[in-house]
Amino acid sequence: MIRARDGASAGDAVDGARTSLETKLKTCKQALAEMTAERDRLTGEIERRRRAFETTAIDRDIHKRNAIDWKRAVMAFLESDAFKRAPAIDKPRRDPLPRSHGRGLPNVLCVGVQKSATSFLYSIIRNHPKIAVYPKDRGLLRKLHETDSASNYEEMAANIDDTLPAIAQFEVAYIDYGGSGIETIKKHLCKNPRIIISVRGPVDRLISEYKMRLRTILWDGTFVETHDFEDALQMEQYRAVNNPREYLLHFSYKERSLYSEKIRAYIKAFGRENVHVVVMEEDLSQDTCGAIANLFDFLSLFDSDGFRLSILPHNEYRDITRAPSEIEVIFHLANGHRLHDPVGMEEVGGEDVVRLEVRSNVPAQLDISHDDPRPELLASAIHLKRRLNYEPSRDEKKRLFNTHFRDDVARLEELLGRDLSVWYAGYDDAAGSMPRRRTS
């Protein structure tokens, strides 16, 4: 949220509060008037763009409900207590977004971090009619970095509406490519793009990524991660040395939760004003409305559409990205029997398994059916439910934080100039011994 300047007198503060409230009311009325005038045009534009990039029926349903409820939501908001907490940006950013190096190439990039609410941000941004959005996490940036050629962008770029001010791409593991990845962006895409980086408490992020790897199947019919949690962490350095590419793609659990130097490199390359850092637990969980408004302001798009998207209910977007909490593993045996959630190969016995099924309460995240599954897949599936349900104790999380992330979080606090105690307040001795950033 953008606040009044420090040191203002009491009278100035009262006048500022009155001005802020008047600004909010004026913004709301203007937003309602503009949306009424432009509703049909925007609906047609959104549908035209969505036909090129639509992926799920869920997205279509969300858009339909938004189109129906937009006016009702604004009117209800004007009459609600939440109006007092609405984002008020007195001087919205109006400097134009930079042009990219070629038609349809992105000038807005979300480069990280995996498992830090980037899918939620993607779902919000793609509904702004002045932003064209590439499909998320297709590996285009990684291929660009590896090949030093933007030819793999050509097909998708041809379908992008190049008249829009913002063209966004989300590839949220790209931050791990460091300085050489930054040079690839400058050389092939845009000299000075707007960079979005979303971060999360390092221990919680690490655990969430591990569970994502457990439920992901590779092209050869095997799960990505086939080890228990502690074993996977202990193997990280071994994997980095023996297969650096696979490590970078799948297994850099601890390394990916170290943020400070990676963010520092992007700030140094593009300037602090062009790097927007979102703290998932504080910005998105505690002030979603303000966080989204500030995001659109960062993109110079805090207009009526940015305001509308910041005040609409956001639970539907969160539901798209939630992880499964209910899982069932089913072995179909050659004798016609079915074995549910076995705890070891001895339960399967000598029977042939003709099909493996894994079901969950979020099919988009975990829904597997394999005929004649490979032995490696069966061996992992037996332990899948136990591993997915595993949750480290508070003491284990505290040990991980103190051992691997404590110093890095202190450096990030200093870099961003903000308190990140939301990440370590639950670890008593960690919170008590964290180096505190200097304040002016």
Protein backbone atom coordinates (compact mmCIF):
# COMPACT_ATOMS: atom_id res chain seq x y z
CA MET A 1 0.00 0.00 0.00
CA ILE A 2 1.25 3.56 -0.70
CA ARG A 3 1.21 5.57 2.55
CA ALA A 4 1.51 9.26 3.54
CA ARG A 5 4.99 10.71 3.93
CA ASP A 6 6.69 10.35 7.32
CA GLY A 7 6.87 13.46 9.50
CA ALA A 8 3.58 15.03 8.40
CA SER A 9 1.73 17.13 11.00
CA ALA A 10 -1.55 15.97 12.58
CA GLY A 11 -3.50 18.42 10.44
CA ASP A 12 -1.75 17.24 7.32
CA ALA A 13 -2.54 13.67 8.28
CA VAL A 14 -6.26 14.45 8.63
CA ASP A 15 -6.28 16.32 5.33
CA GLY A 16 -4.36 13.47 3.72
CA ALA A 17 -6.84 10.89 5.01
CA ARG A 18 -9.77 12.98 3.71
CA THR A 19 -8.05 13.40 0.35
CA SER A 20 -7.31 9.68 0.19
CA LEU A 21 -10.97 8.82 0.87
CA GLU A 22 -12.13 11.31 -1.75
CA THR A 23 -9.60 9.84 -4.17
CA LYS A 24 -10.97 6.34 -3.57
CA LEU A 25 -14.57 7.46 -4.12
CA LYS A 26 -13.63 9.31 -7.28
CA THR A 27 -11.69 6.27 -8.53
CA CYS A 28 -14.63 3.97 -7.84
CA LYS A 29 -17.13 6.20 -9.63
CA GLN A 30 -14.80 6.64 -12.58
CA ALA A 31 -14.17 2.89 -12.74
CA LEU A 32 -17.90 2.16 -12.78
CA ALA A 33 -18.57 4.71 -15.50
CA GLU A 34 -15.73 3.48 -17.70
CA MET A 35 -16.69 -0.16 -17.29
CA THR A 36 -20.30 0.63 -18.25
CA ALA A 37 -19.17 2.37 -21.43
CA GLU A 38 -16.59 -0.24 -22.42
CA ARG A 39 -18.18 -3.48 -21.23
CA ASP A 40 -19.18 -4.85 -24.63
CA ARG A 41 -15.91 -3.89 -26.28
CA LEU A 42 -13.79 -5.40 -23.51
CA THR A 43 -15.84 -8.60 -23.44
CA GLY A 44 -15.30 -9.09 -27.17
CA GLU A 45 -11.59 -8.34 -26.86
CA ILE A 46 -11.11 -10.73 -23.97
CA GLU A 47 -12.96 -13.51 -25.79
CA ARG A 48 -10.94 -12.99 -28.95
CA ARG A 49 -7.63 -13.21 -27.07
CA ARG A 50 -8.83 -16.04 -24.88
CA ARG A 51 -9.63 -18.23 -27.89
CA ALA A 52 -5.91 -18.23 -28.71
CA PHE A 53 -4.69 -18.98 -25.19
CA GLU A 54 -7.60 -20.65 -23.36
CA THR A 55 -6.59 -23.83 -21.57
CA THR A 56 -9.37 -24.91 -19.21
CA ALA A 57 -13.11 -24.76 -18.79
CA ILE A 58 -12.49 -23.35 -15.32
CA ASP A 59 -10.95 -20.22 -16.85
CA ARG A 60 -13.95 -19.77 -19.14
CA ASP A 61 -16.36 -20.11 -16.24
CA ILE A 62 -14.42 -17.57 -14.18
CA HIS A 63 -14.54 -15.06 -17.02
CA LYS A 64 -18.27 -15.61 -17.54
CA ARG A 65 -19.03 -15.05 -13.88
CA ASN A 66 -16.82 -11.95 -13.82
CA ALA A 67 -18.60 -10.52 -16.87
CA ILE A 68 -21.99 -11.01 -15.18
CA ASP A 69 -21.03 -9.87 -11.68
CA TRP A 70 -18.67 -6.97 -12.38
CA LYS A 71 -21.23 -4.20 -11.80
CA ARG A 72 -22.76 -5.91 -8.78
CA ALA A 73 -19.30 -6.35 -7.24
CA VAL A 74 -18.37 -2.69 -7.64
CA MET A 75 -21.69 -1.46 -6.20
CA ALA A 76 -21.43 -3.83 -3.23
CA PHE A 77 -17.87 -2.72 -2.65
CA LEU A 78 -18.87 0.96 -2.53
CA GLU A 79 -21.27 0.13 0.30
CA SER A 80 -18.98 -2.20 2.28
CA ASP A 81 -16.46 -1.73 5.10
CA ALA A 82 -13.83 -3.12 2.75
CA PHE A 83 -14.01 0.20 0.87
CA LYS A 84 -11.99 1.76 3.68
CA ARG A 85 -9.21 -0.73 3.00
CA ALA A 86 -9.28 -0.32 -0.77
CA PRO A 87 -6.02 0.56 -2.48
CA ALA A 88 -5.61 4.28 -3.00
CA ILE A 89 -2.72 5.21 -5.26
CA ASP A 90 -2.65 9.00 -5.37
CA LYS A 91 -0.16 9.21 -8.22
CA PRO A 92 -0.47 6.07 -10.34
CA ARG A 93 2.58 5.14 -12.38
CA ARG A 94 2.07 6.35 -15.91
CA ASP A 95 5.47 5.89 -17.57
CA PRO A 96 4.86 3.64 -20.57
CA LEU A 97 6.03 0.08 -20.66
CA PRO A 98 9.16 -0.43 -22.76
CA ARG A 99 8.97 -1.96 -26.20
CA SER A 100 10.42 -5.40 -26.71
CA HIS A 101 12.97 -6.28 -29.39
CA GLY A 102 10.43 -7.80 -31.78
CA ARG A 103 6.76 -8.21 -32.58
CA GLY A 104 4.89 -10.16 -29.91
CA LEU A 105 7.91 -10.60 -27.63
CA PRO A 106 7.33 -10.04 -23.89
CA ASN A 107 8.13 -6.82 -22.06
CA VAL A 108 6.84 -8.12 -18.70
CA LEU A 109 8.48 -11.22 -17.19
CA CYS A 110 7.67 -13.17 -14.04
CA VAL A 111 10.87 -15.14 -13.46
CA GLY A 112 10.18 -16.70 -10.06
CA VAL A 113 9.80 -18.30 -7.72
CA GLN A 114 8.18 -21.72 -8.11
CA LYS A 115 5.52 -22.60 -5.51
CA SER A 116 5.14 -18.95 -4.44
CA ALA A 117 1.63 -18.13 -5.75
CA THR A 118 2.84 -17.38 -9.28
CA SER A 119 -0.12 -19.27 -10.79
CA PHE A 120 -2.45 -17.08 -8.76
CA LEU A 121 -0.78 -13.93 -10.10
CA TYR A 122 -0.87 -15.36 -13.63
CA SER A 123 -4.62 -16.01 -13.35
CA ILE A 124 -5.22 -12.41 -12.24
CA ILE A 125 -2.99 -10.74 -14.83
CA ARG A 126 -4.35 -12.66 -17.80
CA ASN A 127 -7.80 -11.18 -17.17
CA HIS A 128 -6.64 -7.60 -17.73
CA PRO A 129 -7.71 -6.64 -21.27
CA LYS A 130 -4.58 -4.56 -21.88
CA ILE A 131 -2.19 -7.45 -21.17
CA ALA A 132 -1.44 -10.26 -23.62
CA VAL A 133 -0.12 -13.32 -21.80
CA TYR A 134 1.92 -16.26 -23.02
CA PRO A 135 0.90 -19.71 -21.73
CA LYS A 136 2.62 -20.26 -18.38
CA ASP A 137 5.83 -22.25 -17.92
CA ARG A 138 6.27 -23.61 -21.45
CA GLY A 139 10.07 -23.54 -21.25
CA LEU A 140 10.51 -20.87 -23.92
CA LEU A 141 12.92 -18.80 -21.84
CA ARG A 142 14.94 -21.85 -20.89
CA LYS A 143 15.22 -22.91 -24.56
CA LEU A 144 16.12 -19.35 -25.52
CA HIS A 145 18.89 -19.40 -22.94
CA GLU A 146 20.19 -22.79 -24.08
CA THR A 147 20.05 -22.11 -27.84
CA ASP A 148 20.79 -18.35 -27.92
CA SER A 149 18.03 -18.03 -30.54
CA ALA A 150 14.53 -16.54 -30.27
CA SER A 151 13.19 -18.70 -33.10
CA ASN A 152 11.19 -20.83 -30.67
CA TYR A 153 9.11 -17.72 -29.83
CA GLU A 154 7.98 -17.13 -33.40
CA GLU A 155 4.84 -19.29 -33.47
CA MET A 156 3.37 -17.98 -30.22
CA ALA A 157 4.46 -14.40 -30.85
CA ALA A 158 2.53 -14.45 -34.12
CA ASN A 159 -0.71 -14.95 -32.14
CA ILE A 160 -0.03 -12.10 -29.71
CA ASP A 161 -1.91 -8.81 -30.06
CA ASP A 162 1.09 -6.53 -30.47
CA THR A 163 -1.04 -3.38 -30.10
CA LEU A 164 -1.49 -4.00 -26.36
CA PRO A 165 0.89 -2.13 -24.04
CA ALA A 166 1.88 -5.19 -21.99
CA ILE A 167 2.97 -8.64 -23.18
CA ALA A 168 3.66 -10.89 -20.20
CA GLN A 169 5.44 -14.19 -19.85
CA PHE A 170 5.58 -16.34 -16.72
CA GLU A 171 8.48 -18.78 -16.50
CA VAL A 172 8.96 -19.06 -12.80
CA ALA A 173 12.08 -21.21 -12.59
CA TYR A 174 14.09 -18.88 -14.82
CA ILE A 175 15.47 -16.83 -11.94
CA ASP A 176 17.77 -19.79 -11.19
CA TYR A 177 19.73 -19.13 -14.40
CA GLY A 178 21.31 -16.09 -12.74
CA GLY A 179 23.36 -13.46 -14.54
CA SER A 180 23.63 -15.33 -17.83
CA GLY A 181 19.84 -15.64 -17.87
CA ILE A 182 19.54 -11.88 -17.42
CA GLU A 183 21.84 -11.25 -20.38
CA THR A 184 19.66 -13.55 -22.51
CA ILE A 185 16.60 -11.42 -21.67
CA LYS A 186 18.40 -8.19 -22.56
CA LYS A 187 19.80 -9.56 -25.80
CA HIS A 188 16.73 -11.29 -27.24
CA LEU A 189 13.55 -9.99 -25.57
CA CYS A 190 13.68 -6.53 -24.02
CA LYS A 191 16.46 -4.23 -22.84
CA ASN A 192 14.61 -3.03 -19.75
CA PRO A 193 11.47 -5.12 -19.05
CA ARG A 194 9.33 -5.01 -15.93
CA ILE A 195 10.28 -7.98 -13.74
CA ILE A 196 7.90 -9.69 -11.29
CA ILE A 197 9.29 -11.98 -8.58
CA SER A 198 7.03 -13.67 -6.02
CA VAL A 199 8.65 -15.21 -2.95
CA ARG A 200 7.49 -17.41 -0.09
CA GLY A 201 8.87 -18.55 3.24
CA PRO A 202 11.86 -20.67 2.16
CA VAL A 203 11.04 -23.77 4.20
CA ASP A 204 7.36 -23.86 3.19
CA ARG A 205 8.32 -23.28 -0.45
CA LEU A 206 10.83 -26.12 -0.35
CA ILE A 207 8.27 -28.56 1.08
CA SER A 208 5.66 -27.54 -1.47
CA GLU A 209 8.05 -28.08 -4.37
CA TYR A 210 9.09 -31.50 -3.06
CA LYS A 211 5.43 -32.59 -2.98
CA MET A 212 4.87 -31.24 -6.48
CA ARG A 213 7.79 -33.35 -7.77
CA LEU A 214 6.33 -36.41 -6.05
CA ARG A 215 3.10 -36.20 -8.03
CA THR A 216 4.64 -35.28 -11.40
CA ILE A 217 5.21 -38.02 -14.00
CA LEU A 218 7.89 -37.78 -16.68
CA TRP A 219 7.53 -38.74 -20.33
CA ASP A 220 9.01 -42.19 -19.63
CA GLY A 221 6.26 -43.09 -17.15
CA THR A 222 8.16 -42.54 -13.89
CA PHE A 223 7.64 -40.05 -11.08
CA VAL A 224 10.09 -37.14 -10.95
CA GLU A 225 10.87 -37.56 -7.25
CA THR A 226 11.20 -41.09 -5.86
CA HIS A 227 12.86 -40.49 -2.49
CA ASP A 228 11.71 -39.60 1.01
CA PHE A 229 11.93 -35.95 2.03
CA GLU A 230 15.14 -36.09 4.09
CA ASP A 231 16.87 -38.29 1.50
CA ALA A 232 15.92 -35.90 -1.31
CA LEU A 233 17.49 -32.97 0.56
CA GLN A 234 20.66 -34.90 1.34
CA MET A 235 21.00 -35.89 -2.33
CA GLU A 236 20.74 -32.31 -3.62
CA GLN A 237 24.47 -31.70 -3.98
CA TYR A 238 25.01 -35.15 -5.52
CA ARG A 239 22.32 -34.46 -8.11
CA ALA A 240 23.80 -31.03 -8.86
CA VAL A 241 27.20 -32.56 -9.66
CA ASN A 242 26.04 -35.65 -11.57
CA ASN A 243 23.23 -34.18 -13.66
CA PRO A 244 23.23 -30.35 -13.49
CA ARG A 245 20.42 -29.89 -16.01
CA GLU A 246 17.99 -32.24 -14.21
CA TYR A 247 19.02 -30.71 -10.91
CA LEU A 248 18.20 -27.23 -12.13
CA LEU A 249 14.86 -28.36 -13.56
CA HIS A 250 13.63 -30.55 -10.72
CA PHE A 251 15.78 -31.01 -7.63
CA SER A 252 17.26 -27.68 -6.47
CA TYR A 253 14.97 -27.57 -3.43
CA LYS A 254 17.24 -25.67 -1.03
CA GLU A 255 19.02 -23.61 -3.68
CA ARG A 256 15.71 -22.39 -5.13
CA SER A 257 14.67 -21.09 -1.70
CA LEU A 258 17.75 -18.81 -1.51
CA TYR A 259 16.48 -15.52 -2.89
CA SER A 260 18.67 -12.57 -1.95
CA GLU A 261 21.52 -12.79 -4.48
CA LYS A 262 19.21 -13.72 -7.35
CA ILE A 263 16.91 -10.76 -6.70
CA ARG A 264 19.93 -8.50 -6.18
CA ALA A 265 21.19 -9.45 -9.65
CA TYR A 266 17.87 -8.47 -11.28
CA ILE A 267 17.76 -5.16 -9.39
CA LYS A 268 21.32 -4.39 -10.47
CA ALA A 269 20.54 -5.26 -14.10
CA PHE A 270 17.17 -3.53 -14.50
CA GLY A 271 16.89 -1.02 -11.64
CA ARG A 272 14.88 -1.21 -8.42
CA GLU A 273 11.96 0.61 -10.02
CA ASN A 274 11.59 -2.16 -12.61
CA VAL A 275 11.68 -5.16 -10.23
CA HIS A 276 8.49 -5.85 -8.28
CA VAL A 277 8.81 -8.34 -5.40
CA VAL A 278 5.65 -9.92 -3.95
CA VAL A 279 5.84 -11.62 -0.53
CA MET A 280 3.20 -14.33 -0.67
CA GLU A 281 2.36 -14.61 3.04
CA GLU A 282 2.23 -10.87 3.68
CA ASP A 283 1.09 -9.23 0.44
CA LEU A 284 -1.24 -11.83 -1.06
CA SER A 285 -2.55 -13.42 2.13
CA GLN A 286 -3.00 -10.32 4.29
CA ASP A 287 -3.81 -7.62 1.69
CA THR A 288 -4.76 -9.25 -1.59
CA CYS A 289 -6.64 -6.19 -2.81
CA GLY A 290 -3.73 -3.84 -2.22
CA ALA A 291 -1.17 -6.31 -3.57
CA ILE A 292 -2.98 -6.69 -6.89
CA ALA A 293 -3.53 -2.95 -7.17
CA ASN A 294 0.18 -2.33 -6.58
CA LEU A 295 1.05 -4.98 -9.15
CA PHE A 296 -1.05 -3.27 -11.83
CA ASP A 297 0.38 0.09 -10.78
CA PHE A 298 3.87 -1.35 -11.27
CA LEU A 299 2.79 -2.26 -14.81
CA SER A 300 1.44 1.29 -15.40
CA LEU A 301 -2.03 -0.27 -15.70
CA PHE A 302 -3.84 0.79 -12.54
CA ASP A 303 -6.85 1.85 -14.60
CA SER A 304 -10.52 0.90 -14.25
CA ASP A 305 -9.74 -2.69 -15.22
CA GLY A 306 -6.84 -2.95 -12.79
CA PHE A 307 -9.07 -1.54 -10.05
CA ARG A 308 -11.88 -3.98 -10.88
CA LEU A 309 -9.55 -6.97 -10.79
CA SER A 310 -8.14 -5.86 -7.44
CA ILE A 311 -11.52 -5.69 -5.68
CA LEU A 312 -13.29 -8.76 -7.09
CA PRO A 313 -13.31 -11.92 -4.91
CA HIS A 314 -10.13 -13.92 -5.52
CA ASN A 315 -10.96 -17.32 -4.05
CA GLU A 316 -11.78 -18.74 -7.47
CA TYR A 317 -8.26 -17.99 -8.66
CA ARG A 318 -6.76 -19.62 -5.59
CA ASP A 319 -8.86 -22.76 -6.11
CA ILE A 320 -7.24 -23.30 -9.52
CA THR A 321 -3.78 -23.67 -8.00
CA ARG A 322 -4.47 -25.55 -4.75
CA ALA A 323 -2.62 -28.80 -4.08
CA PRO A 324 -4.53 -32.07 -3.58
CA SER A 325 -5.31 -33.03 -0.01
CA GLU A 326 -7.15 -36.33 -0.60
CA ILE A 327 -5.29 -39.06 -2.50
CA GLU A 328 -6.07 -42.68 -3.38
CA VAL A 329 -3.63 -45.13 -5.02
CA ILE A 330 -5.22 -48.18 -6.70
CA PHE A 331 -3.40 -51.25 -8.07
CA HIS A 332 -5.48 -53.28 -10.57
CA LEU A 333 -4.25 -56.88 -10.44
CA ALA A 334 -4.32 -59.49 -13.22
CA ASN A 335 -6.69 -61.68 -11.17
CA GLY A 336 -9.32 -58.92 -11.25
CA HIS A 337 -8.77 -57.72 -7.69
CA ARG A 338 -7.95 -54.16 -6.71
CA LEU A 339 -5.52 -53.16 -4.00
CA HIS A 340 -6.00 -49.73 -2.42
CA ASP A 341 -3.17 -47.72 -0.88
CA PRO A 342 -0.66 -50.56 -0.30
CA VAL A 343 2.16 -49.94 2.16
CA GLY A 344 4.76 -52.21 0.55
CA MET A 345 5.55 -54.57 -2.30
CA GLU A 346 4.80 -57.54 -0.06
CA GLU A 347 1.12 -56.55 -0.15
CA VAL A 348 1.13 -56.66 -3.93
CA GLY A 349 2.73 -60.09 -3.78
CA GLY A 350 3.45 -62.05 -6.93
CA GLU A 351 0.39 -60.81 -8.79
CA ASP A 352 0.89 -58.87 -11.98
CA VAL A 353 -0.31 -55.26 -11.88
CA VAL A 354 -2.13 -54.50 -15.10
CA ARG A 355 -3.05 -50.90 -14.32
CA LEU A 356 -2.16 -48.19 -11.84
CA GLU A 357 -4.54 -45.40 -10.87
CA VAL A 358 -3.89 -42.40 -8.67
CA ARG A 359 -6.88 -40.21 -7.88
CA SER A 360 -7.14 -36.98 -5.93
CA ASN A 361 -9.61 -34.25 -5.02
CA VAL A 362 -7.80 -31.93 -7.49
CA PRO A 363 -7.64 -33.93 -10.75
CA ALA A 364 -5.85 -31.11 -12.57
CA GLN A 365 -2.92 -31.57 -10.17
CA LEU A 366 -2.95 -35.34 -9.71
CA ASP A 367 -4.94 -37.81 -11.83
CA ILE A 368 -3.00 -40.80 -13.21
CA SER A 369 -4.01 -43.95 -15.07
CA HIS A 370 -1.26 -46.20 -16.49
CA ASP A 371 -1.69 -49.59 -18.16
CA ASP A 372 1.16 -52.09 -17.68
CA PRO A 373 3.08 -49.68 -15.41
CA ARG A 374 6.85 -49.99 -15.18
CA PRO A 375 8.34 -51.51 -11.99
CA GLU A 376 9.93 -48.15 -11.13
CA LEU A 377 6.52 -46.47 -11.29
CA LEU A 378 4.95 -49.14 -9.09
CA ALA A 379 7.72 -48.90 -6.52
CA SER A 380 7.22 -45.14 -6.22
CA ALA A 381 3.41 -45.36 -6.23
CA ILE A 382 3.47 -47.65 -3.18
CA HIS A 383 5.07 -44.86 -1.15
CA LEU A 384 3.30 -41.95 -2.86
CA LYS A 385 0.51 -41.35 -0.36
CA ARG A 386 2.82 -41.58 2.65
CA ARG A 387 5.29 -39.14 1.11
CA LEU A 388 2.62 -36.67 0.02
CA ASN A 389 1.07 -36.70 3.49
CA TYR A 390 4.41 -36.17 5.21
CA GLU A 391 4.76 -32.87 7.05
CA PRO A 392 7.99 -31.97 8.87
CA SER A 393 7.62 -31.05 12.54
CA ARG A 394 8.10 -27.49 13.76
CA ASP A 395 11.53 -28.46 15.11
CA GLU A 396 12.51 -29.92 11.74
CA LYS A 397 11.39 -26.77 9.95
CA LYS A 398 13.28 -24.62 12.44
CA ARG A 399 16.42 -26.67 11.88
CA LEU A 400 16.09 -26.27 8.12
CA PHE A 401 15.59 -22.53 8.44
CA ASN A 402 18.51 -21.98 10.80
CA THR A 403 20.86 -24.23 8.84
CA HIS A 404 20.14 -23.12 5.28
CA PHE A 405 18.10 -19.90 5.10
CA ARG A 406 18.60 -17.71 8.16
CA ASP A 407 21.42 -15.56 6.76
CA ASP A 408 19.86 -15.28 3.32
CA VAL A 409 16.56 -13.99 4.73
CA ALA A 410 18.49 -11.34 6.71
CA ARG A 411 20.22 -10.22 3.49
CA LEU A 412 16.87 -10.09 1.68
CA GLU A 413 15.38 -7.93 4.42
CA GLU A 414 18.27 -5.52 3.98
CA LEU A 415 17.94 -5.54 0.19
CA LEU A 416 14.18 -4.94 0.08
CA GLY A 417 14.03 -2.72 3.15
CA ARG A 418 11.18 -4.70 4.68
CA ASP A 419 10.58 -6.95 7.67
CA LEU A 420 10.21 -10.64 6.73
CA SER A 421 9.59 -11.98 10.23
CA VAL A 422 6.41 -13.58 8.91
CA TRP A 423 8.78 -16.29 7.63
CA TYR A 424 10.48 -17.08 10.92
CA ALA A 425 8.26 -15.80 13.73
CA GLY A 426 7.20 -19.38 14.50
CA TYR A 427 10.78 -20.50 15.09
CA ASP A 428 11.44 -19.04 18.56
CA ASP A 429 15.22 -19.05 18.69
CA ALA A 430 15.48 -18.14 14.98
CA ALA A 431 13.26 -15.10 15.47
CA GLY A 432 15.19 -14.04 18.54
CA SER A 433 18.58 -14.21 16.88
CA MET A 434 17.88 -12.90 13.38
CA PRO A 435 20.16 -10.00 12.43
CA ARG A 436 17.88 -6.99 12.12
CA ARG A 437 18.13 -4.67 9.15
CA ARG A 438 19.18 -1.09 9.80
CA THR A 439 16.45 1.50 9.78
CA SER A 440 16.90 5.19 9.10
